[in-house]
């Protein structure tokens, strides 16, 4: 069964599409927001299997889209 999930922030557009037509390129990502190019920002693709290592995928997305790394939050302490 085909399906689609879209996550969007002011900087980033992520789209996960499940189905045979996008096999191996299920995750589409691009810059969001204002762009000077009338065609919009270029799309980048990744395979769904790359979601297994989210830290690595996040580094790839930041590199490809030239995004800055988020500020690290302090770890929560538990007793």
Protein backbone atom coordinates (compact mmCIF):
# COMPACT_ATOMS: atom_id res chain seq x y z
CA UNK A 1 0.00 0.00 0.00
CA UNK A 2 1.36 3.41 -0.93
CA UNK A 3 1.48 6.27 1.54
CA UNK A 4 3.18 9.56 2.25
CA UNK A 5 4.41 11.44 5.32
CA UNK A 6 5.51 15.08 5.08
CA UNK A 7 7.48 16.93 7.76
CA UNK A 8 8.21 20.61 7.24
CA UNK A 9 9.99 23.29 9.22
CA UNK A 10 11.02 26.80 8.26
CA UNK A 11 14.34 25.39 6.94
CA UNK A 12 13.60 21.84 5.83
CA UNK A 13 11.08 19.81 3.83
CA UNK A 14 11.12 16.01 4.34
CA UNK A 15 8.81 13.66 2.49
CA UNK A 16 8.70 9.89 3.02
CA UNK A 17 6.82 8.07 0.26
CA UNK A 18 6.17 4.35 0.42
CA UNK A 19 5.46 2.63 -2.87
CA UNK A 20 7.07 0.89 -5.82
CA UNK A 21 7.59 4.07 -7.85
CA UNK A 22 10.11 5.53 -5.38
CA UNK A 23 11.89 2.32 -4.37
CA UNK A 24 15.40 3.22 -3.16
CA UNK A 25 14.50 6.93 -3.15
CA UNK A 26 11.71 6.92 -0.58
CA UNK A 27 12.98 9.92 1.38
CA UNK A 28 12.94 13.26 -0.44
CA UNK A 29 14.51 16.27 1.31
CA UNK A 30 15.16 19.86 0.31
CA UNK A 31 15.55 23.34 1.74
CA UNK A 32 12.31 25.06 2.60
CA UNK A 33 11.57 28.75 2.77
CA UNK A 34 12.35 31.59 0.44
CA UNK A 35 14.47 30.84 -2.61
CA UNK A 36 15.66 33.02 -5.47
CA UNK A 37 15.32 30.18 -7.98
CA UNK A 38 11.80 30.13 -9.53
CA UNK A 39 12.09 26.35 -9.91
CA UNK A 40 12.65 26.05 -6.16
CA UNK A 41 15.42 24.34 -4.24
CA UNK A 42 16.76 21.07 -5.69
CA UNK A 43 15.44 17.78 -4.35
CA UNK A 44 17.75 15.25 -2.71
CA UNK A 45 16.86 11.60 -2.17
CA UNK A 46 17.78 8.82 0.24
CA UNK A 47 16.68 5.23 0.65
CA UNK A 48 14.34 4.38 3.51
CA UNK A 49 16.97 1.96 4.88
CA UNK A 50 19.07 5.02 5.81
CA UNK A 51 16.54 5.74 8.58
CA UNK A 52 18.19 2.90 10.52
CA UNK A 53 20.99 5.32 11.47
CA UNK A 54 19.21 8.66 12.08
CA UNK A 55 22.36 10.46 13.30
CA UNK A 56 24.19 9.61 10.06
CA UNK A 57 21.19 10.59 7.95
CA UNK A 58 20.91 13.91 9.82
CA UNK A 59 24.59 14.64 9.10
CA UNK A 60 24.04 13.86 5.41
CA UNK A 61 20.98 16.12 5.22
CA UNK A 62 22.81 18.97 6.98
CA UNK A 63 25.78 18.57 4.61
CA UNK A 64 23.69 18.31 1.41
CA UNK A 65 21.48 21.27 2.33
CA UNK A 66 24.23 23.31 3.99
CA UNK A 67 22.31 23.56 7.26
CA UNK A 68 23.90 24.29 10.61
CA UNK A 69 23.81 21.69 13.36
CA UNK A 70 21.20 22.29 16.05
CA UNK A 71 22.33 23.52 19.45
CA UNK A 72 22.79 20.57 21.79
CA UNK A 73 20.35 20.44 24.68
CA UNK A 74 21.63 19.49 28.13
CA UNK A 75 21.07 15.85 29.03
CA UNK A 76 18.31 15.15 31.53
CA UNK A 77 19.46 13.73 34.81
CA UNK A 78 17.59 10.87 36.40
CA UNK A 79 17.88 9.51 39.91
